[in-house]
Protein backbone atom coordinates (compact mmCIF):
# COMPACT_ATOMS: atom_id res chain seq x y z
CA MET A 1 55.87 -3.50 9.09
CA LYS A 2 54.99 -7.07 10.01
CA SER A 3 58.59 -8.09 10.89
CA PRO A 4 59.15 -5.52 13.68
CA MET A 5 55.71 -6.27 15.16
CA LEU A 6 56.37 -10.02 15.04
CA ALA A 7 59.77 -9.53 16.69
CA ILE A 8 58.24 -7.44 19.48
CA LEU A 9 55.53 -10.06 20.04
CA LEU A 10 58.11 -12.84 20.16
CA VAL A 11 60.23 -10.95 22.72
CA ALA A 12 57.14 -10.30 24.84
CA VAL A 13 56.22 -14.00 24.82
CA VAL A 14 59.76 -15.05 25.79
CA LEU A 15 59.96 -12.49 28.62
CA THR A 16 56.54 -13.48 29.95
CA THR A 17 57.50 -17.16 29.89
CA VAL A 18 60.75 -16.52 31.76
CA ALA A 19 59.05 -14.31 34.35
CA CYS A 20 56.27 -16.81 34.99
CA SER A 21 58.58 -19.82 35.20
CA SER A 22 60.56 -18.19 37.99
CA GLN A 23 57.44 -17.90 40.16
CA THR A 24 55.26 -20.89 39.33
CA ALA A 25 55.65 -24.51 38.37
CA SER A 26 53.30 -25.53 35.61
CA ASN A 27 52.00 -28.95 34.56
CA LEU A 28 52.21 -30.28 38.10
CA THR A 29 49.38 -32.72 38.57
CA THR A 30 50.01 -34.78 41.68
CA VAL A 31 51.60 -34.71 45.11
CA ALA A 32 53.62 -37.76 44.01
CA ASP A 33 55.13 -35.71 41.14
CA LEU A 34 56.03 -32.92 43.55
CA VAL A 35 57.64 -35.30 46.06
CA ALA A 36 59.57 -37.13 43.30
CA ARG A 37 61.23 -33.88 42.11
CA PRO A 38 60.90 -31.27 44.86
CA GLU A 39 63.98 -29.32 43.76
CA LEU A 40 62.09 -28.26 40.61
CA TYR A 41 59.30 -26.69 42.66
CA ALA A 42 60.99 -25.51 45.88
CA GLY A 43 60.21 -21.87 46.62
CA LYS A 44 57.69 -21.68 43.76
CA LYS A 45 53.93 -21.49 43.74
CA VAL A 46 52.34 -24.76 42.71
CA THR A 47 48.74 -25.40 41.70
CA PHE A 48 47.21 -28.83 41.64
CA ASP A 49 44.20 -30.87 42.69
CA GLY A 50 44.29 -33.19 45.68
CA PHE A 51 42.85 -33.91 49.10
CA TYR A 52 43.13 -31.76 52.20
CA PHE A 53 42.90 -33.64 55.51
CA GLN A 54 42.92 -32.01 58.96
CA THR A 55 42.53 -33.49 62.41
CA PHE A 56 44.40 -33.42 65.73
CA GLU A 57 48.11 -32.71 64.98
CA THR A 58 47.54 -33.38 61.26
CA ASN A 59 47.15 -30.78 58.50
CA VAL A 60 48.14 -32.37 55.19
CA PHE A 61 47.60 -32.46 51.43
CA CYS A 62 47.71 -35.73 49.46
CA ASP A 63 46.65 -37.33 46.18
CA ASN A 64 44.11 -39.73 47.70
CA LEU A 65 42.22 -40.67 50.82
CA GLN A 66 41.86 -44.32 51.74
CA VAL A 67 39.68 -46.31 54.12
CA GLU A 68 41.67 -46.97 57.28
CA PRO A 69 42.52 -50.67 57.62
CA GLY A 70 40.25 -52.39 60.10
CA THR A 71 37.36 -49.97 59.47
CA THR A 72 34.67 -49.87 56.84
CA ASP A 73 34.35 -46.15 56.27
CA TYR A 74 36.87 -44.05 58.25
CA LEU A 75 39.02 -42.16 55.75
CA ILE A 76 42.69 -41.28 56.23
CA PRO A 77 45.22 -39.58 53.95
CA GLN A 78 47.29 -41.83 51.71
CA GLU A 79 51.07 -41.29 51.38
CA PRO A 80 52.86 -39.28 50.13
CA LEU A 81 51.81 -36.41 52.38
CA ILE A 82 52.75 -32.74 52.39
CA TRP A 83 52.27 -30.58 55.48
CA VAL A 84 49.97 -27.58 54.96
CA GLU A 85 51.10 -24.39 56.69
CA GLY A 86 48.40 -21.77 57.06
CA GLY A 87 44.68 -22.11 57.02
CA LEU A 88 42.00 -22.48 54.43
CA PRO A 89 39.58 -19.64 53.80
CA LYS A 90 36.60 -20.00 56.17
CA ALA A 91 34.17 -20.29 53.25
CA VAL A 92 36.06 -23.39 52.03
CA TYR A 93 36.78 -24.90 55.46
CA ASP A 94 33.11 -24.69 56.48
CA LYS A 95 32.15 -26.84 53.45
CA LEU A 96 34.59 -29.69 54.12
CA TYR A 97 33.32 -33.14 54.99
CA THR A 98 33.53 -34.15 58.64
CA GLU A 99 33.89 -37.56 60.22
CA SER A 100 33.97 -38.52 63.85
CA ARG A 101 34.50 -41.70 65.76
CA GLN A 102 34.52 -42.34 69.45
CA GLY A 103 37.79 -41.50 71.17
CA PHE A 104 39.25 -39.51 68.27
CA ALA A 105 39.22 -35.86 67.25
CA PRO A 106 36.95 -35.07 64.30
CA ALA A 107 38.56 -35.07 60.85
CA TYR A 108 37.82 -32.49 58.15
CA PHE A 109 38.60 -33.20 54.52
CA GLY A 110 37.72 -32.47 50.93
CA LYS A 111 39.03 -32.34 47.39
CA LEU A 112 40.67 -28.99 46.63
CA ARG A 113 42.44 -27.05 43.93
CA LEU A 114 45.20 -25.35 45.88
CA THR A 115 47.92 -22.85 45.00
CA ALA A 116 50.71 -22.55 47.54
CA ARG A 117 54.48 -22.18 47.82
CA LEU A 118 56.40 -25.41 48.24
CA ASP A 119 59.02 -25.41 50.99
CA TYR A 120 61.57 -28.21 50.86
CA GLY A 121 64.85 -28.98 52.54
CA GLY A 122 63.89 -28.63 56.19
CA THR A 123 61.55 -30.28 58.64
CA TYR A 124 57.97 -29.12 58.81
CA GLY A 125 54.72 -29.77 60.59
CA HIS A 126 53.93 -31.54 63.84
CA LEU A 127 57.18 -32.52 65.58
CA GLY A 128 59.07 -31.85 62.33
CA GLY A 129 57.69 -35.03 60.81
CA PHE A 130 57.41 -33.81 57.23
CA ARG A 131 60.03 -33.12 54.53
CA TYR A 132 57.74 -30.87 52.44
CA GLN A 133 55.38 -28.02 53.20
CA LEU A 134 52.78 -26.10 51.22
CA ALA A 135 52.58 -22.55 52.54
CA ILE A 136 49.16 -21.05 51.84
CA PRO A 137 49.31 -17.26 51.60
CA THR A 138 47.29 -15.45 54.26
CA ILE A 139 46.38 -12.68 51.81
CA GLN A 140 44.25 -13.79 48.86
CA PRO A 141 44.69 -17.54 49.23
CA GLN A 142 43.86 -19.49 46.08
CA VAL A 143 41.85 -22.44 47.32
CA GLU A 144 38.81 -23.93 45.62
CA LEU A 145 36.61 -26.78 46.87
CA LEU A 146 36.11 -29.33 44.07
CA PRO A 147 33.14 -31.65 43.63
CA TRP A 148 33.69 -35.05 45.24
CA THR A 149 31.66 -37.54 47.22
CA PRO A 150 33.44 -39.63 49.86
CA PRO A 151 32.81 -43.37 49.94
CA GLY A 152 30.97 -45.11 52.76
CA GLY A 153 29.14 -43.57 55.65
CA THR A 154 31.09 -40.33 55.88
CA THR A 155 28.95 -37.29 56.59
CA GLU A 156 29.08 -33.66 55.49
């Protein structure tokens, strides 16, 4: 009796693994990993932690934010960058950090866990300036704000 049950369980595990691998890319931890091997993830849902940054003509996801050279506390996204297509849920967007400086549009940013489809092989974003795009689904987006405190004088 145990052999047929074990065989059925093994087949179920193999089929589940094959089905899941065709839709998602697992063990992806950074934007740099994704950019280094985009062909492995193109057209698949990817889930990873990183930083969302949005301001005038910029809507990107990256591994880190850095202090802009020549300033003491104005944060900007650090390369590599992936364009984000679609919006964040309002409940998440409303909790992002905000920074403003004279003469510039406000910037909104935060650390997120994001699941989205990776598009690769075209041009994306503002003026087609990006080689990669994360497409956030409009129905049931999987976006979670993670705990993080920005350095310097940035405000919430």
